[in-house]
Protein backbone atom coordinates (compact mmCIF):
# COMPACT_ATOMS: atom_id res chain seq x y z
CA MET A 1 -16.77 22.13 17.98
CA SER A 2 -15.43 24.34 20.60
CA ASP A 3 -12.37 23.17 22.75
CA ARG A 4 -14.88 21.99 25.01
CA ILE A 5 -14.52 18.17 26.20
CA PRO A 6 -17.30 16.25 23.53
CA THR A 7 -19.70 13.83 25.36
CA LEU A 8 -22.23 12.00 23.84
CA GLU A 9 -24.83 14.60 24.96
CA ASN A 10 -23.66 17.65 23.24
CA CYS A 11 -22.11 16.59 19.99
CA ASP A 12 -24.64 17.07 17.12
CA GLN A 13 -25.90 13.50 16.46
CA SER A 14 -26.96 14.38 12.68
CA ASP A 15 -23.22 15.54 12.10
CA PRO A 16 -20.61 12.73 11.10
CA GLU A 17 -17.69 14.97 12.09
CA GLN A 18 -19.45 15.12 15.58
CA VAL A 19 -21.74 12.72 16.39
CA LEU A 20 -18.60 10.25 17.90
CA GLN A 21 -16.45 12.75 18.71
CA TRP A 22 -16.77 11.96 22.37
CA ILE A 23 -15.62 8.57 21.73
CA ALA A 24 -12.36 10.26 21.05
CA VAL A 25 -11.44 11.08 24.58
CA GLN A 26 -8.98 9.89 27.23
CA LEU A 27 -8.03 6.90 24.61
CA PRO A 28 -5.03 4.40 25.67
CA PHE A 29 -2.01 6.04 24.31
CA ALA A 30 1.17 4.76 26.08
CA GLY A 31 1.51 2.57 29.23
CA LYS A 32 -0.68 4.22 31.55
CA GLN A 33 -0.65 7.44 29.53
CA GLU A 34 -3.96 8.50 28.07
CA TYR A 35 -4.52 10.45 25.21
CA THR A 36 -7.37 13.49 23.52
CA PRO A 37 -6.56 14.67 20.00
CA GLY A 38 -7.71 18.15 19.02
CA PRO A 39 -11.25 18.98 17.43
CA ASP A 40 -9.45 18.35 14.07
CA GLN A 41 -8.57 15.55 14.77
CA ARG A 42 -11.44 14.32 16.12
CA ALA A 43 -13.71 15.30 13.69
CA ALA A 44 -11.82 13.48 11.07
CA TRP A 45 -11.83 10.22 13.39
CA SER A 46 -15.84 10.97 13.38
CA LYS A 47 -16.35 11.27 10.10
CA ARG A 48 -14.08 7.79 9.50
CA TRP A 49 -15.84 5.94 12.12
CA ASP A 50 -19.57 7.41 10.71
CA SER A 51 -18.56 6.23 6.91
CA LEU A 52 -17.85 2.98 8.67
CA ALA A 53 -21.45 2.82 9.84
CA ILE A 54 -19.94 2.82 13.58
CA VAL A 55 -23.00 3.65 16.01
CA TYR A 56 -23.81 3.78 19.76
CA ALA A 57 -25.81 0.88 20.50
CA PRO A 58 -28.50 2.46 22.30
CA SER A 59 -29.42 4.85 19.87
CA LEU A 60 -30.90 2.16 17.67
CA VAL A 61 -33.53 1.97 19.79
CA LYS A 62 -35.75 4.71 18.18
CA LEU A 63 -35.72 2.27 14.84
CA ALA A 64 -37.35 -0.62 17.11
CA ASP A 65 -40.89 -1.67 16.31
CA GLU A 66 -43.68 -2.01 18.64
CA ASN A 67 -42.46 -5.37 19.65
CA GLY A 68 -38.58 -4.09 19.80
CA ASN A 69 -37.47 -5.28 16.63
CA ILE A 70 -35.12 -3.76 14.40
CA HIS A 71 -34.95 -5.18 10.16
CA VAL A 72 -31.72 -5.32 9.14
CA SER A 73 -32.23 -3.10 6.65
CA GLN A 74 -32.68 0.01 8.93
CA LEU A 75 -29.14 -0.63 10.02
CA PRO A 76 -27.08 2.13 8.82
CA GLN A 77 -24.40 1.22 5.91
CA PRO A 78 -20.57 1.49 5.51
CA LYS A 79 -19.39 3.41 2.85
CA LEU A 80 -16.45 2.77 2.71
CA LYS A 81 -13.50 -0.20 2.73
CA LEU A 82 -10.38 -0.70 3.66
CA ARG A 83 -8.18 -1.75 0.69
CA VAL A 84 -5.05 -3.50 1.51
CA PRO A 85 -1.52 -2.89 -0.33
CA HIS A 86 -2.20 -4.47 -3.67
CA ARG A 87 1.73 -4.76 -3.80
CA GLY A 88 4.81 -5.02 -1.28
CA GLN A 89 4.28 -6.38 2.54
CA GLN A 90 1.08 -6.84 4.40
CA HIS A 91 2.65 -3.94 6.81
CA TYR A 92 0.43 -1.70 8.78
CA LEU A 93 3.40 0.79 7.83
CA ASN A 94 3.15 0.33 4.42
CA GLY A 95 1.44 3.53 3.36
CA ALA A 96 -0.11 2.05 0.36
CA MET A 97 -3.31 0.83 1.89
CA GLN A 98 -6.28 3.36 1.64
CA TRP A 99 -10.06 3.83 2.47
CA VAL A 100 -11.92 3.41 -0.88
CA ASP A 101 -16.15 3.66 -1.45
CA ILE A 102 -17.65 0.22 -0.78
CA ASP A 103 -18.44 -0.56 -4.04
CA GLU A 104 -15.32 0.31 -5.95
CA PRO A 105 -14.23 -2.82 -7.71
CA GLU A 106 -11.28 -4.80 -6.32
CA LEU A 107 -8.29 -4.67 -8.20
CA ASP A 108 -6.85 -8.08 -9.42
CA PRO A 109 -4.01 -9.81 -7.19
CA VAL A 110 -0.47 -9.40 -8.32
CA ALA A 111 0.46 -12.97 -9.03
CA LEU A 112 4.28 -13.68 -8.09
CA PRO A 113 5.79 -16.37 -10.69
CA ASP A 114 7.31 -19.47 -9.73
CA MET A 115 10.52 -19.62 -10.68
CA GLY A 116 10.81 -23.34 -11.06
CA GLU A 117 8.57 -23.10 -14.13
CA TYR A 118 10.61 -20.85 -15.77
CA THR A 119 13.44 -22.37 -18.34
CA ARG A 120 17.23 -21.93 -17.01
CA HIS A 121 17.38 -19.30 -19.65
CA GLU A 122 14.41 -17.09 -18.30
CA GLN A 123 15.79 -17.86 -14.79
CA GLU A 124 19.17 -16.11 -15.78
CA PHE A 125 17.28 -13.47 -17.64
CA VAL A 126 15.62 -12.62 -14.48
CA ALA A 127 18.57 -13.07 -12.19
CA GLU A 128 20.56 -10.62 -14.22
CA GLN A 129 17.31 -8.33 -13.57
CA LEU A 130 17.95 -8.82 -10.14
CA ARG A 131 21.51 -8.03 -10.28
CA TYR A 132 21.01 -4.76 -12.17
CA HIS A 133 18.26 -3.84 -9.48
CA GLY A 134 20.66 -4.85 -6.61
CA VAL A 135 18.00 -6.74 -5.10
CA VAL A 136 20.73 -9.97 -5.81
CA LYS A 137 24.36 -9.11 -5.16
CA ASP A 138 27.17 -10.00 -7.35
CA ALA A 139 29.37 -12.96 -5.95
CA ALA A 140 32.59 -10.64 -6.40
CA SER A 141 30.99 -7.80 -4.55
CA GLU A 142 30.50 -9.74 -1.81
CA SER A 143 34.13 -11.31 -1.53
CA ASP A 144 36.36 -10.58 1.30
CA SER A 145 38.69 -7.27 0.44
CA ALA A 146 41.72 -6.23 2.21
CA GLU A 147 41.44 -3.47 4.29
CA VAL A 148 43.59 -1.55 7.50
CA VAL A 149 42.43 -2.51 10.38
CA ASP A 150 43.78 -1.52 13.83
CA ALA A 151 45.51 -4.43 15.32
CA SER A 152 44.42 -3.13 18.93
CA GLU A 153 40.57 -3.39 17.90
CA LEU A 154 41.19 -7.00 16.48
CA PHE A 155 39.61 -10.14 18.49
CA ASP A 156 42.73 -11.99 20.33
CA PRO A 157 41.73 -15.59 21.17
CA ALA A 158 44.30 -15.26 24.00
CA ASP A 159 41.77 -13.16 25.86
CA HIS A 160 39.10 -15.34 26.05
CA THR A 161 37.72 -18.36 27.22
CA VAL A 162 37.57 -21.71 24.79
CA SER A 163 33.97 -21.37 24.90
CA GLY A 164 34.18 -17.46 24.37
CA VAL A 165 36.17 -17.93 21.20
CA ASN A 166 34.00 -21.01 19.55
CA GLY A 167 31.10 -18.82 20.49
CA TYR A 168 33.02 -15.73 18.60
CA LEU A 169 33.97 -18.35 15.48
CA LEU A 170 29.88 -19.18 15.31
CA ALA A 171 29.07 -15.23 14.85
CA PRO A 172 28.49 -14.33 11.27
CA ILE A 173 31.80 -12.53 10.93
CA PRO A 174 33.92 -12.80 7.46
CA LEU A 175 35.46 -16.26 6.83
CA SER A 176 38.92 -14.27 6.84
CA GLU A 177 38.70 -13.22 10.13
CA LYS A 178 37.52 -17.01 11.21
CA ARG A 179 41.01 -17.86 9.59
CA ARG A 180 42.85 -15.15 11.00
CA VAL A 181 41.47 -16.43 14.69
CA ILE A 182 42.19 -19.83 14.34
CA ALA A 183 46.07 -18.84 13.01
CA ALA A 184 46.20 -17.01 15.85
CA GLU A 185 45.44 -19.87 18.12
CA MET A 186 47.79 -22.24 16.87
CA ALA A 187 50.34 -19.80 16.80
CA SER A 188 49.65 -19.53 20.37
CA LYS A 189 52.30 -20.98 23.11
CA LYS A 190 49.38 -23.40 24.20
CA PRO A 191 47.12 -24.02 21.60
CA ARG A 192 43.74 -25.25 22.63
CA GLN A 193 42.30 -28.49 21.12
CA GLY A 194 38.67 -27.58 22.52
CA ILE A 195 39.06 -24.72 19.46
CA LEU A 196 41.35 -26.06 17.01
CA ASN A 197 39.49 -29.67 17.02
CA ALA A 198 35.84 -28.43 17.46
CA PRO A 199 33.47 -29.82 14.46
CA GLN A 200 32.60 -26.65 13.72
CA ASN A 201 36.23 -25.15 13.38
CA ARG A 202 37.92 -28.14 11.07
CA GLY A 203 38.50 -26.94 7.57
CA LEU A 204 39.12 -23.32 8.10
């Protein structure tokens, strides 16, 4: 088709690449904005929709008999089906999903192992593989390590209220940082018991 606006009247109903182009006009896009794709994209969408047996209901009238009935065998049949990702997350951004022929056999599902049924030796073997591939980190690699930090950037409990300090200590920060803050509070002129005796801070 040319760059003219596709309408039901000017779309060739016998051409899969045109039959449903008129639907792809002023589609909801972002907020109140609407979007009409270009000719090539409209043609691809029309062909896909036609392959899925999506039809304009009034166009089926010609299939009806004298009593206004249409037998199901007369209805268009889809040629494609969606195959969701065989592996990985079932997320709309997973590019492993694809449209395939309607008669293509389904793939065997991937069965995830129940590690509770494995022996200790087998579990350790799998754990070592996970460490090798970086899925599981070694405890040593996650331990606190020394680093040079600008003292002006450190959290100073003296500059914050009791609730502010306790809130900071509840954050997912290294244990060494929590202990530093507690030590700084203890070394202050007036240590606040609301911090030092807070249940979540005891033992730090």
